[in-house]
Amino acid sequence: MRLSIIIPTLNDAEALAALPSFTAELIVADGGSRDAVESVAEAMGARLVRSAPGRGVQMNAGAAEASGDVLLFLHADTLMPDNYPARIEQALAMGRQWGRFDLRLSGTKPMFRLIEQLINWRSRLTGIASGDQAIFVNSEAFSAVGGYEAIPLMEDLALCHALRKRFGRPACITTPVITSSRRWEQFGTWRTIFLMWRLRLSYYLGASPVALAERYRRG
């Protein structure tokens, strides 16, 4: 398996610098950062790809430059578990074309353990993953569904829906990635829960991702 890791960034130099080294091809898809993302990416041995801002647009730009036959889309504030390439290879060897990892939040609050369980159960039940869960996909399958939609929010859900419809349910790796709980701690646990569920429900009911992105920014 030839793995390409694609990390979208926008002023994420600090988070990027905290990531461990990678042995796979690493592509940083930057949407116009004004911090030290470029120098951090260079120090990591990553290829820097510039694009218009927006995670979906950025990840498509990174995927277009990738040489791997498997693409791993990783947020800058998410840490992969040990031996993750072998876990991905084993999951895809079972006949799946795409998958995701369980999620663990970095914070220590007991409430975070419940949130993790609910996110992982929801993902397993629906066959839909969030970007925090390190979505991976066969590069040909990614191309077959047209990649990410160029929308400002919910691009991960749109991709999962397309992949599930075309190729079936994802491989679910139970070994978790660890993603930052900063958002939950900064804006409040319950407030963040209600906001994310409202946004998801509105998206499923047909609300514009542009309008949802504005509501997300207002928090």
N, C-alpha and C. Protein backbone atom coordinates (compact mmCIF):
# COMPACT_ATOMS: atom_id res chain seq x y z
N MET A 1 0.83 -1.19 0.00
CA MET A 1 0.00 0.00 0.00
C MET A 1 0.87 1.25 0.00
N ARG A 2 0.59 2.16 -0.91
CA ARG A 2 1.24 3.45 -0.94
C ARG A 2 0.27 4.49 -0.35
N LEU A 3 0.62 5.02 0.80
CA LEU A 3 -0.27 5.90 1.54
C LEU A 3 0.16 7.36 1.37
N SER A 4 -0.81 8.21 1.07
CA SER A 4 -0.59 9.66 1.04
C SER A 4 -1.45 10.30 2.13
N ILE A 5 -0.82 11.12 2.96
CA ILE A 5 -1.52 11.81 4.04
C ILE A 5 -1.70 13.27 3.64
N ILE A 6 -2.95 13.73 3.70
CA ILE A 6 -3.28 15.09 3.27
C ILE A 6 -3.84 15.85 4.47
N ILE A 7 -3.18 16.95 4.81
CA ILE A 7 -3.58 17.76 5.97
C ILE A 7 -3.98 19.15 5.49
N PRO A 8 -5.26 19.53 5.64
CA PRO A 8 -5.65 20.89 5.30
C PRO A 8 -5.29 21.84 6.44
N THR A 9 -4.77 23.02 6.11
CA THR A 9 -4.37 23.97 7.14
C THR A 9 -4.86 25.37 6.82
N LEU A 10 -5.11 26.12 7.87
CA LEU A 10 -5.37 27.55 7.78
C LEU A 10 -4.94 28.16 9.12
N ASN A 11 -3.73 28.70 9.13
CA ASN A 11 -3.14 29.23 10.36
C ASN A 11 -3.02 28.16 11.45
N ASP A 12 -2.56 26.98 11.05
CA ASP A 12 -2.45 25.85 11.95
C ASP A 12 -1.00 25.47 12.22
N ALA A 13 -0.09 26.42 12.16
CA ALA A 13 1.33 26.09 12.31
C ALA A 13 1.62 25.43 13.65
N GLU A 14 1.02 25.91 14.72
CA GLU A 14 1.29 25.36 16.05
C GLU A 14 0.84 23.91 16.13
N ALA A 15 -0.37 23.62 15.66
CA ALA A 15 -0.87 22.25 15.69
C ALA A 15 -0.05 21.35 14.78
N LEU A 16 0.32 21.87 13.61
CA LEU A 16 1.10 21.09 12.65
C LEU A 16 2.46 20.72 13.23
N ALA A 17 3.09 21.68 13.92
CA ALA A 17 4.41 21.44 14.50
C ALA A 17 4.37 20.40 15.61
N ALA A 18 3.20 20.20 16.22
CA ALA A 18 3.07 19.24 17.32
C ALA A 18 2.88 17.81 16.83
N LEU A 19 2.65 17.62 15.54
CA LEU A 19 2.45 16.27 15.02
C LEU A 19 3.78 15.51 14.97
N PRO A 20 3.73 14.20 15.15
CA PRO A 20 4.96 13.40 15.02
C PRO A 20 5.37 13.30 13.55
N SER A 21 6.53 12.75 13.31
CA SER A 21 6.99 12.58 11.93
C SER A 21 6.19 11.48 11.24
N PHE A 22 6.11 11.57 9.92
CA PHE A 22 5.38 10.59 9.12
C PHE A 22 6.35 9.91 8.15
N THR A 23 6.12 8.63 7.93
CA THR A 23 6.93 7.91 6.95
C THR A 23 6.27 7.90 5.59
N ALA A 24 4.95 8.14 5.54
CA ALA A 24 4.23 8.17 4.27
C ALA A 24 4.39 9.52 3.59
N GLU A 25 3.99 9.59 2.32
CA GLU A 25 3.96 10.86 1.62
C GLU A 25 3.05 11.83 2.37
N LEU A 26 3.55 13.03 2.64
CA LEU A 26 2.81 14.02 3.41
C LEU A 26 2.58 15.27 2.57
N ILE A 27 1.32 15.66 2.45
CA ILE A 27 0.95 16.85 1.69
C ILE A 27 0.17 17.78 2.60
N VAL A 28 0.65 19.00 2.74
CA VAL A 28 -0.05 20.04 3.49
C VAL A 28 -0.77 20.92 2.48
N ALA A 29 -2.09 20.92 2.55
CA ALA A 29 -2.91 21.70 1.61
C ALA A 29 -3.36 22.97 2.33
N ASP A 30 -2.72 24.07 2.02
CA ASP A 30 -2.92 25.30 2.77
C ASP A 30 -3.88 26.26 2.06
N GLY A 31 -4.77 26.85 2.87
CA GLY A 31 -5.78 27.74 2.30
C GLY A 31 -5.50 29.21 2.51
N GLY A 32 -4.21 29.58 2.63
CA GLY A 32 -3.87 31.00 2.77
C GLY A 32 -3.44 31.40 4.16
N SER A 33 -2.69 30.54 4.83
CA SER A 33 -2.24 30.83 6.20
C SER A 33 -1.35 32.06 6.25
N ARG A 34 -1.43 32.76 7.38
CA ARG A 34 -0.57 33.92 7.62
C ARG A 34 0.42 33.66 8.75
N ASP A 35 0.50 32.43 9.19
CA ASP A 35 1.47 32.09 10.22
C ASP A 35 2.61 31.30 9.59
N ALA A 36 3.27 30.45 10.36
CA ALA A 36 4.49 29.77 9.89
C ALA A 36 4.22 28.40 9.30
N VAL A 37 3.03 28.17 8.75
CA VAL A 37 2.70 26.86 8.19
C VAL A 37 3.73 26.42 7.15
N GLU A 38 4.14 27.33 6.28
CA GLU A 38 5.07 26.96 5.20
C GLU A 38 6.39 26.43 5.76
N SER A 39 6.96 27.13 6.72
CA SER A 39 8.25 26.69 7.27
C SER A 39 8.10 25.40 8.07
N VAL A 40 6.99 25.24 8.78
CA VAL A 40 6.75 24.00 9.53
C VAL A 40 6.60 22.83 8.57
N ALA A 41 5.84 23.03 7.50
CA ALA A 41 5.67 21.96 6.51
C ALA A 41 7.00 21.58 5.90
N GLU A 42 7.83 22.56 5.59
CA GLU A 42 9.14 22.28 5.02
C GLU A 42 10.00 21.47 5.99
N ALA A 43 9.95 21.83 7.29
CA ALA A 43 10.73 21.12 8.29
C ALA A 43 10.26 19.68 8.45
N MET A 44 8.97 19.43 8.18
CA MET A 44 8.41 18.08 8.30
C MET A 44 8.69 17.24 7.06
N GLY A 45 9.21 17.86 6.02
CA GLY A 45 9.42 17.14 4.77
C GLY A 45 8.16 17.00 3.95
N ALA A 46 7.19 17.86 4.21
CA ALA A 46 5.91 17.79 3.50
C ALA A 46 5.96 18.60 2.22
N ARG A 47 5.12 18.23 1.28
CA ARG A 47 4.91 19.03 0.09
C ARG A 47 3.79 20.02 0.38
N LEU A 48 4.02 21.30 0.15
CA LEU A 48 3.01 22.32 0.41
C LEU A 48 2.25 22.62 -0.87
N VAL A 49 0.94 22.48 -0.79
CA VAL A 49 0.06 22.77 -1.92
C VAL A 49 -0.84 23.92 -1.50
N ARG A 50 -0.88 24.95 -2.30
CA ARG A 50 -1.71 26.12 -1.98
C ARG A 50 -3.02 26.06 -2.78
N SER A 51 -4.09 26.49 -2.11
CA SER A 51 -5.39 26.50 -2.79
C SER A 51 -6.25 27.59 -2.17
N ALA A 52 -7.43 27.77 -2.72
CA ALA A 52 -8.42 28.64 -2.10
C ALA A 52 -8.80 28.03 -0.74
N PRO A 53 -9.25 28.85 0.21
CA PRO A 53 -9.62 28.31 1.52
C PRO A 53 -10.89 27.47 1.46
N GLY A 54 -11.03 26.60 2.45
CA GLY A 54 -12.15 25.67 2.50
C GLY A 54 -11.62 24.26 2.53
N ARG A 55 -11.96 23.49 3.56
CA ARG A 55 -11.35 22.18 3.72
C ARG A 55 -11.57 21.27 2.52
N GLY A 56 -12.80 21.27 1.98
CA GLY A 56 -13.07 20.42 0.84
C GLY A 56 -12.20 20.77 -0.36
N VAL A 57 -12.13 22.07 -0.67
CA VAL A 57 -11.31 22.55 -1.78
C VAL A 57 -9.84 22.21 -1.54
N GLN A 58 -9.37 22.45 -0.32
CA GLN A 58 -7.97 22.20 0.00
C GLN A 58 -7.63 20.72 -0.10
N MET A 59 -8.49 19.87 0.42
CA MET A 59 -8.20 18.44 0.39
C MET A 59 -8.26 17.88 -1.03
N ASN A 60 -9.13 18.43 -1.86
CA ASN A 60 -9.12 18.05 -3.27
C ASN A 60 -7.81 18.45 -3.94
N ALA A 61 -7.32 19.65 -3.59
CA ALA A 61 -6.05 20.12 -4.17
C ALA A 61 -4.90 19.21 -3.72
N GLY A 62 -4.91 18.81 -2.45
CA GLY A 62 -3.89 17.90 -1.98
C GLY A 62 -3.97 16.54 -2.63
N ALA A 63 -5.19 16.03 -2.78
CA ALA A 63 -5.39 14.72 -3.40
C ALA A 63 -4.92 14.72 -4.85
N ALA A 64 -5.08 15.84 -5.54
CA ALA A 64 -4.66 15.93 -6.94
C ALA A 64 -3.16 15.80 -7.08
N GLU A 65 -2.40 16.11 -6.02
CA GLU A 65 -0.94 16.03 -6.06
C GLU A 65 -0.42 14.74 -5.44
N ALA A 66 -1.30 13.92 -4.89
CA ALA A 66 -0.87 12.72 -4.16
C ALA A 66 -0.53 11.59 -5.13
N SER A 67 0.46 10.78 -4.76
CA SER A 67 0.86 9.64 -5.59
C SER A 67 0.42 8.31 -4.99
N GLY A 68 -0.13 8.33 -3.78
CA GLY A 68 -0.52 7.09 -3.12
C GLY A 68 -1.77 6.47 -3.70
N ASP A 69 -1.93 5.16 -3.50
CA ASP A 69 -3.17 4.51 -3.92
C ASP A 69 -4.20 4.52 -2.81
N VAL A 70 -3.82 5.01 -1.61
CA VAL A 70 -4.75 5.22 -0.52
C VAL A 70 -4.51 6.63 0.02
N LEU A 71 -5.59 7.38 0.23
CA LEU A 71 -5.51 8.75 0.73
C LEU A 71 -6.04 8.79 2.16
N LEU A 72 -5.29 9.43 3.04
CA LEU A 72 -5.71 9.62 4.43
C LEU A 72 -5.84 11.12 4.66
N PHE A 73 -7.06 11.57 5.00
CA PHE A 73 -7.33 12.98 5.23
C PHE A 73 -7.29 13.23 6.74
N LEU A 74 -6.32 14.02 7.16
CA LEU A 74 -6.03 14.19 8.58
C LEU A 74 -6.08 15.66 8.97
N HIS A 75 -6.84 15.96 10.04
CA HIS A 75 -6.84 17.32 10.56
C HIS A 75 -5.55 17.58 11.31
N ALA A 76 -5.11 18.83 11.31
CA ALA A 76 -3.82 19.17 11.91
C ALA A 76 -3.79 18.94 13.42
N ASP A 77 -4.96 18.93 14.05
CA ASP A 77 -4.99 18.74 15.51
C ASP A 77 -5.39 17.32 15.91
N THR A 78 -5.15 16.36 15.02
CA THR A 78 -5.50 14.97 15.29
C THR A 78 -4.26 14.09 15.23
N LEU A 79 -4.11 13.23 16.22
CA LEU A 79 -2.96 12.33 16.31
C LEU A 79 -3.38 10.91 15.94
N MET A 80 -2.59 10.28 15.08
CA MET A 80 -2.87 8.92 14.66
C MET A 80 -2.34 7.91 15.68
N PRO A 81 -2.97 6.74 15.79
CA PRO A 81 -2.47 5.72 16.70
C PRO A 81 -1.23 5.03 16.12
N ASP A 82 -0.56 4.26 16.97
CA ASP A 82 0.60 3.50 16.52
C ASP A 82 0.19 2.52 15.42
N ASN A 83 1.09 2.31 14.50
CA ASN A 83 0.91 1.30 13.46
C ASN A 83 -0.34 1.54 12.60
N TYR A 84 -0.71 2.80 12.42
CA TYR A 84 -1.92 3.10 11.67
C TYR A 84 -1.85 2.67 10.20
N PRO A 85 -0.69 2.71 9.50
CA PRO A 85 -0.71 2.24 8.11
C PRO A 85 -1.12 0.77 8.00
N ALA A 86 -0.61 -0.06 8.90
CA ALA A 86 -0.96 -1.48 8.85
C ALA A 86 -2.44 -1.67 9.16
N ARG A 87 -2.98 -0.87 10.06
CA ARG A 87 -4.41 -0.98 10.40
C ARG A 87 -5.26 -0.60 9.19
N ILE A 88 -4.86 0.45 8.48
CA ILE A 88 -5.60 0.85 7.28
C ILE A 88 -5.49 -0.22 6.21
N GLU A 89 -4.29 -0.73 5.99
CA GLU A 89 -4.09 -1.75 4.96
C GLU A 89 -4.92 -3.00 5.27
N GLN A 90 -4.94 -3.41 6.53
CA GLN A 90 -5.72 -4.58 6.91
C GLN A 90 -7.21 -4.35 6.69
N ALA A 91 -7.69 -3.14 7.03
CA ALA A 91 -9.11 -2.83 6.86
C ALA A 91 -9.51 -2.86 5.39
N LEU A 92 -8.68 -2.30 4.52
CA LEU A 92 -9.01 -2.28 3.10
C LEU A 92 -8.83 -3.65 2.45
N ALA A 93 -7.97 -4.48 3.03
CA ALA A 93 -7.77 -5.82 2.48
C ALA A 93 -9.00 -6.69 2.66
N MET A 94 -9.91 -6.28 3.54
CA MET A 94 -11.16 -7.02 3.76
C MET A 94 -12.21 -6.70 2.70
N GLY A 95 -11.84 -5.90 1.72
CA GLY A 95 -12.76 -5.61 0.61
C GLY A 95 -13.42 -4.25 0.67
N ARG A 96 -13.17 -3.48 1.72
CA ARG A 96 -13.75 -2.14 1.80
C ARG A 96 -12.92 -1.16 0.97
N GLN A 97 -13.58 -0.11 0.51
CA GLN A 97 -12.90 0.91 -0.29
C GLN A 97 -12.57 2.16 0.50
N TRP A 98 -13.13 2.26 1.70
CA TRP A 98 -12.90 3.45 2.52
C TRP A 98 -13.18 3.12 3.97
N GLY A 99 -12.81 4.05 4.85
CA GLY A 99 -13.04 3.79 6.27
C GLY A 99 -12.68 4.99 7.12
N ARG A 100 -12.74 4.76 8.42
CA ARG A 100 -12.44 5.80 9.38
C ARG A 100 -12.04 5.16 10.70
N PHE A 101 -11.49 5.96 11.61
CA PHE A 101 -11.09 5.51 12.93
C PHE A 101 -12.12 5.95 13.97
N ASP A 102 -12.20 5.22 15.07
CA ASP A 102 -12.91 5.74 16.23
C ASP A 102 -12.20 7.00 16.70
N LEU A 103 -12.90 7.78 17.50
CA LEU A 103 -12.39 9.07 17.94
C LEU A 103 -12.27 9.12 19.46
N ARG A 104 -11.21 9.77 19.92
CA ARG A 104 -11.05 10.07 21.34
C ARG A 104 -10.65 11.53 21.46
N LEU A 105 -11.30 12.25 22.39
CA LEU A 105 -10.98 13.65 22.62
C LEU A 105 -9.80 13.76 23.58
N SER A 106 -9.01 14.79 23.42
CA SER A 106 -7.78 14.92 24.19
C SER A 106 -8.02 15.32 25.64
N GLY A 107 -9.16 15.95 25.93
CA GLY A 107 -9.43 16.43 27.29
C GLY A 107 -9.71 15.30 28.26
N THR A 108 -9.64 15.62 29.54
CA THR A 108 -9.80 14.61 30.60
C THR A 108 -11.16 14.63 31.28
N LYS A 109 -12.03 15.55 30.91
CA LYS A 109 -13.34 15.62 31.55
C LYS A 109 -14.13 14.32 31.32
N PRO A 110 -14.79 13.80 32.36
CA PRO A 110 -15.60 12.58 32.18
C PRO A 110 -16.64 12.72 31.07
N MET A 111 -17.17 13.93 30.89
CA MET A 111 -18.18 14.15 29.85
C MET A 111 -17.63 13.84 28.47
N PHE A 112 -16.33 14.07 28.27
CA PHE A 112 -15.73 13.80 26.96
C PHE A 112 -15.78 12.32 26.62
N ARG A 113 -15.70 11.46 27.63
CA ARG A 113 -15.75 10.02 27.36
C ARG A 113 -17.13 9.63 26.81
N LEU A 114 -18.18 10.27 27.33
CA LEU A 114 -19.52 10.01 26.82
C LEU A 114 -19.67 10.55 25.41
N ILE A 115 -19.16 11.74 25.16
CA ILE A 115 -19.25 12.33 23.82
C ILE A 115 -18.56 11.43 22.80
N GLU A 116 -17.38 10.93 23.15
CA GLU A 116 -16.66 10.02 22.24
C GLU A 116 -17.51 8.80 21.89
N GLN A 117 -18.10 8.20 22.92
CA GLN A 117 -18.91 7.00 22.69
C GLN A 117 -20.07 7.30 21.76
N LEU A 118 -20.74 8.43 21.99
CA LEU A 118 -21.88 8.78 21.15
C LEU A 118 -21.47 9.03 19.71
N ILE A 119 -20.34 9.72 19.52
CA ILE A 119 -19.85 9.97 18.16
C ILE A 119 -19.51 8.66 17.46
N ASN A 120 -18.81 7.77 18.15
CA ASN A 120 -18.40 6.50 17.55
C ASN A 120 -19.60 5.61 17.27
N TRP A 121 -20.57 5.56 18.19
CA TRP A 121 -21.78 4.77 17.96
C TRP A 121 -22.58 5.32 16.78
N ARG A 122 -22.72 6.64 16.74
CA ARG A 122 -23.46 7.25 15.63
C ARG A 122 -22.79 6.92 14.31
N SER A 123 -21.47 7.02 14.26
CA SER A 123 -20.75 6.74 13.03
C SER A 123 -20.91 5.29 12.60
N ARG A 124 -20.84 4.39 13.57
CA ARG A 124 -20.98 2.97 13.25
C ARG A 124 -22.39 2.65 12.77
N LEU A 125 -23.39 3.30 13.38
CA LEU A 125 -24.78 3.05 13.03
C LEU A 125 -25.13 3.60 11.65
N THR A 126 -24.65 4.82 11.35
CA THR A 126 -25.04 5.49 10.11
C THR A 126 -24.10 5.23 8.94
N GLY A 127 -22.87 4.79 9.23
CA GLY A 127 -21.90 4.66 8.16
C GLY A 127 -21.38 5.99 7.67
N ILE A 128 -21.48 7.01 8.51
CA ILE A 128 -21.03 8.36 8.18
C ILE A 128 -19.97 8.77 9.20
N ALA A 129 -18.91 9.41 8.75
CA ALA A 129 -17.83 9.82 9.64
C ALA A 129 -17.64 11.33 9.57
N SER A 130 -17.02 11.88 10.60
CA SER A 130 -16.63 13.28 10.59
C SER A 130 -15.16 13.38 10.21
N GLY A 131 -14.73 14.56 9.81
CA GLY A 131 -13.33 14.74 9.42
C GLY A 131 -12.36 14.47 10.55
N ASP A 132 -12.81 14.62 11.80
CA ASP A 132 -11.96 14.35 12.95
C ASP A 132 -11.60 12.88 13.08
N GLN A 133 -12.28 12.01 12.34
CA GLN A 133 -12.06 10.57 12.47
C GLN A 133 -11.08 10.01 11.46
N ALA A 134 -10.31 10.88 10.83
CA ALA A 134 -9.24 10.45 9.92
C ALA A 134 -9.78 9.52 8.83
N ILE A 135 -10.58 10.08 7.94
CA ILE A 135 -11.17 9.32 6.84
C ILE A 135 -10.07 8.89 5.87
N PHE A 136 -10.09 7.63 5.48
CA PHE A 136 -9.15 7.13 4.46
C PHE A 136 -9.94 6.46 3.35
N VAL A 137 -9.40 6.50 2.14
CA VAL A 137 -10.14 6.02 0.99
C VAL A 137 -9.19 5.61 -0.13
N ASN A 138 -9.55 4.57 -0.82
CA ASN A 138 -8.83 4.18 -2.03
C ASN A 138 -8.87 5.35 -3.01
N SER A 139 -7.75 5.69 -3.60
CA SER A 139 -7.69 6.88 -4.46
C SER A 139 -8.62 6.77 -5.67
N GLU A 140 -8.79 5.56 -6.20
CA GLU A 140 -9.70 5.39 -7.34
C GLU A 140 -11.15 5.59 -6.92
N ALA A 141 -11.49 5.13 -5.71
CA ALA A 141 -12.85 5.34 -5.20
C ALA A 141 -13.10 6.82 -4.96
N PHE A 142 -12.08 7.51 -4.45
CA PHE A 142 -12.21 8.95 -4.22
C PHE A 142 -12.48 9.68 -5.53
N SER A 143 -11.75 9.33 -6.56
CA SER A 143 -11.95 9.95 -7.87
C SER A 143 -13.31 9.60 -8.45
N ALA A 144 -13.77 8.37 -8.20
CA ALA A 144 -15.03 7.90 -8.77
C ALA A 144 -16.23 8.69 -8.27
N VAL A 145 -16.16 9.20 -7.01
CA VAL A 145 -17.28 9.98 -6.47
C VAL A 145 -17.05 11.48 -6.64
N GLY A 146 -15.96 11.86 -7.31
CA GLY A 146 -15.71 13.26 -7.57
C GLY A 146 -15.04 14.01 -6.44
N GLY A 147 -14.49 13.28 -5.46
CA GLY A 147 -13.79 13.93 -4.35
C GLY A 147 -14.75 14.66 -3.43
N TYR A 148 -14.21 15.62 -2.72
CA TYR A 148 -15.02 16.44 -1.81
C TYR A 148 -15.84 17.45 -2.59
N GLU A 149 -17.03 17.75 -2.09
CA GLU A 149 -17.79 18.85 -2.66
C GLU A 149 -17.16 20.17 -2.22
N ALA A 150 -17.21 21.16 -3.09
CA ALA A 150 -16.63 22.47 -2.79
C ALA A 150 -17.64 23.31 -2.00
N ILE A 151 -17.91 22.85 -0.77
CA ILE A 151 -18.85 23.54 0.11
C ILE A 151 -18.10 23.94 1.38
N PRO A 152 -18.53 25.02 2.07
CA PRO A 152 -17.75 25.53 3.20
C PRO A 152 -17.94 24.77 4.51
N LEU A 153 -18.90 23.85 4.55
CA LEU A 153 -19.14 23.07 5.76
C LEU A 153 -19.84 21.79 5.36
N MET A 154 -19.68 20.74 6.15
CA MET A 154 -20.30 19.44 5.93
C MET A 154 -19.72 18.70 4.73
N GLU A 155 -18.53 19.10 4.30
CA GLU A 155 -17.90 18.41 3.17
C GLU A 155 -17.57 16.96 3.51
N ASP A 156 -17.28 16.68 4.78
CA ASP A 156 -16.98 15.31 5.18
C ASP A 156 -18.23 14.43 5.12
N LEU A 157 -19.37 14.97 5.54
CA LEU A 157 -20.62 14.21 5.47
C LEU A 157 -21.00 13.94 4.02
N ALA A 158 -20.84 14.95 3.16
CA ALA A 158 -21.19 14.78 1.74
C ALA A 158 -20.33 13.69 1.10
N LEU A 159 -19.03 13.68 1.43
CA LEU A 159 -18.15 12.65 0.88
C LEU A 159 -18.56 11.27 1.37
N CYS A 160 -18.86 11.15 2.66
CA CYS A 160 -19.25 9.85 3.21
C CYS A 160 -20.54 9.34 2.58
N HIS A 161 -21.49 10.23 2.38
CA HIS A 161 -22.74 9.82 1.73
C HIS A 161 -22.46 9.28 0.33
N ALA A 162 -21.60 9.98 -0.42
CA ALA A 162 -21.29 9.55 -1.78
C ALA A 162 -20.56 8.21 -1.78
N LEU A 163 -19.59 8.04 -0.88
CA LEU A 163 -18.84 6.79 -0.81
C LEU A 163 -19.73 5.63 -0.36
N ARG A 164 -20.58 5.88 0.62
CA ARG A 164 -21.46 4.81 1.11
C ARG A 164 -22.44 4.38 0.02
N LYS A 165 -22.98 5.35 -0.72
CA LYS A 165 -23.92 5.02 -1.79
C LYS A 165 -23.26 4.21 -2.89
N ARG A 166 -22.02 4.54 -3.23
CA ARG A 166 -21.32 3.90 -4.36
C ARG A 166 -20.61 2.61 -3.94
N PHE A 167 -20.01 2.60 -2.75
CA PHE A 167 -19.13 1.49 -2.37
C PHE A 167 -19.52 0.77 -1.08
N GLY A 168 -20.61 1.19 -0.46
CA GLY A 168 -21.03 0.52 0.76
C GLY A 168 -20.46 1.18 2.01
N ARG A 169 -20.67 0.53 3.12
CA ARG A 169 -20.32 1.10 4.42
C ARG A 169 -18.80 1.12 4.64
N PRO A 170 -18.34 2.00 5.53
CA PRO A 170 -16.90 2.12 5.75
C PRO A 170 -16.34 1.03 6.65
N ALA A 171 -15.05 0.82 6.55
CA ALA A 171 -14.33 0.03 7.55
C ALA A 171 -14.22 0.89 8.80
N CYS A 172 -14.53 0.32 9.96
CA CYS A 172 -14.51 1.07 11.22
C CYS A 172 -13.37 0.53 12.08
N ILE A 173 -12.30 1.27 12.19
CA ILE A 173 -11.15 0.87 13.00
C ILE A 173 -11.38 1.36 14.42
N THR A 174 -11.44 0.44 15.37
CA THR A 174 -11.80 0.80 16.74
C THR A 174 -10.66 1.45 17.52
N THR A 175 -9.42 1.24 17.10
CA THR A 175 -8.30 1.95 17.73
C THR A 175 -8.47 3.44 17.43
N PRO A 176 -8.56 4.30 18.45
CA PRO A 176 -8.96 5.68 18.17
C PRO A 176 -7.82 6.60 17.77
N VAL A 177 -8.17 7.59 16.98
CA VAL A 177 -7.32 8.76 16.83
C VAL A 177 -7.63 9.69 18.00
N ILE A 178 -6.69 10.55 18.33
CA ILE A 178 -6.90 11.52 19.42
C ILE A 178 -6.99 12.90 18.81
N THR A 179 -8.14 13.53 18.95
CA THR A 179 -8.33 14.85 18.38
C THR A 179 -8.51 15.89 19.48
N SER A 180 -8.13 17.09 19.21
CA SER A 180 -8.15 18.15 20.22
C SER A 180 -9.56 18.44 20.70
N SER A 181 -9.70 18.60 22.01
CA SER A 181 -10.98 18.97 22.61
C SER A 181 -11.08 20.49 22.80
N ARG A 182 -10.18 21.23 22.16
CA ARG A 182 -10.11 22.68 22.33
C ARG A 182 -11.45 23.36 22.06
N ARG A 183 -12.11 22.95 20.98
CA ARG A 183 -13.39 23.58 20.61
C ARG A 183 -14.42 23.39 21.70
N TRP A 184 -14.49 22.17 22.25
CA TRP A 184 -15.46 21.86 23.30
C TRP A 184 -15.16 22.66 24.56
N GLU A 185 -13.88 22.79 24.89
CA GLU A 185 -13.49 23.49 26.10
C GLU A 185 -13.65 25.00 25.96
N GLN A 186 -13.40 25.51 24.76
CA GLN A 186 -13.47 26.95 24.54
C GLN A 186 -14.90 27.45 24.51
N PHE A 187 -15.79 26.73 23.85
CA PHE A 187 -17.16 27.21 23.66
C PHE A 187 -18.17 26.57 24.61
N GLY A 188 -17.72 25.59 25.40
CA GLY A 188 -18.64 24.92 26.32
C GLY A 188 -19.14 23.61 25.74
N THR A 189 -19.15 22.57 26.57
CA THR A 189 -19.50 21.23 26.10
C THR A 189 -20.91 21.17 25.55
N TRP A 190 -21.88 21.56 26.36
CA TRP A 190 -23.27 21.44 25.94
C TRP A 190 -23.58 22.36 24.77
N ARG A 191 -23.03 23.56 24.80
CA ARG A 191 -23.27 24.50 23.70
C ARG A 191 -22.75 23.93 22.39
N THR A 192 -21.56 23.30 22.43
CA THR A 192 -20.99 22.72 21.22
C THR A 192 -21.82 21.54 20.73
N ILE A 193 -22.28 20.69 21.66
CA ILE A 193 -23.11 19.55 21.29
C ILE A 193 -24.37 20.02 20.56
N PHE A 194 -25.07 20.98 21.16
CA PHE A 194 -26.32 21.45 20.56
C PHE A 194 -26.06 22.12 19.21
N LEU A 195 -24.97 22.88 19.12
CA LEU A 195 -24.66 23.54 17.85
C LEU A 195 -24.42 22.52 16.75
N MET A 196 -23.59 21.51 17.03
CA MET A 196 -23.25 20.54 16.00
C MET A 196 -24.46 19.71 15.58
N TRP A 197 -25.30 19.34 16.54
CA TRP A 197 -26.49 18.57 16.18
C TRP A 197 -27.46 19.42 15.37
N ARG A 198 -27.61 20.70 15.73
CA ARG A 198 -28.49 21.59 14.97
C ARG A 198 -27.99 21.75 13.54
N LEU A 199 -26.68 21.91 13.38
CA LEU A 199 -26.12 22.08 12.05
C LEU A 199 -26.31 20.82 11.21
N ARG A 200 -26.05 19.66 11.81
CA ARG A 200 -26.23 18.41 11.08
C ARG A 200 -27.69 18.21 10.67
N LEU A 201 -28.61 18.45 11.60
CA LEU A 201 -30.02 18.28 11.28
C LEU A 201 -30.44 19.24 10.18
N SER A 202 -29.99 20.48 10.26
CA SER A 202 -30.33 21.46 9.23
C SER A 202 -29.79 21.03 7.87
N TYR A 203 -28.57 20.47 7.87
CA TYR A 203 -27.98 20.01 6.61
C TYR A 203 -28.82 18.88 6.00
N TYR A 204 -29.21 17.93 6.82
CA TYR A 204 -30.02 16.81 6.31
C TYR A 204 -31.39 17.27 5.83
N LEU A 205 -31.87 18.37 6.39
CA LEU A 205 -33.17 18.91 5.98
C LEU A 205 -33.05 19.84 4.78
N GLY A 206 -31.83 20.00 4.27
CA GLY A 206 -31.65 20.74 3.03
C GLY A 206 -31.14 22.16 3.16
N ALA A 207 -30.68 22.54 4.33
CA ALA A 207 -30.16 23.90 4.50
C ALA A 207 -28.89 24.09 3.69
N SER A 208 -28.63 25.30 3.26
CA SER A 208 -27.44 25.63 2.47
C SER A 208 -26.19 25.50 3.33
N PRO A 209 -25.16 24.80 2.84
CA PRO A 209 -23.89 24.75 3.59
C PRO A 209 -23.28 26.12 3.81
N VAL A 210 -23.53 27.06 2.91
CA VAL A 210 -23.01 28.43 3.08
C VAL A 210 -23.64 29.06 4.32
N ALA A 211 -24.96 28.93 4.45
CA ALA A 211 -25.65 29.48 5.61
C ALA A 211 -25.22 28.76 6.89
N LEU A 212 -25.03 27.46 6.80
CA LEU A 212 -24.60 26.69 7.97
C LEU A 212 -23.20 27.10 8.41
N ALA A 213 -22.33 27.37 7.46
CA ALA A 213 -20.97 27.79 7.79
C ALA A 213 -21.00 29.12 8.53
N GLU A 214 -21.89 30.02 8.15
CA GLU A 214 -22.00 31.29 8.85
C GLU A 214 -22.51 31.07 10.27
N ARG A 215 -23.47 30.18 10.44
CA ARG A 215 -23.98 29.87 11.78
C ARG A 215 -22.86 29.22 12.62
N TYR A 216 -22.05 28.40 12.01
CA TYR A 216 -20.94 27.76 12.71
C TYR A 216 -19.92 28.81 13.18
N ARG A 217 -19.63 29.77 12.32
CA ARG A 217 -18.67 30.82 12.68
C ARG A 217 -19.19 31.67 13.84
N ARG A 218 -20.52 31.92 13.84
CA ARG A 218 -21.10 32.70 14.94
C ARG A 218 -21.10 31.89 16.23
N GLY A 219 -21.06 30.55 16.08
CA GLY A 219 -20.96 29.67 17.25
C GLY A 219 -22.21 29.59 18.08
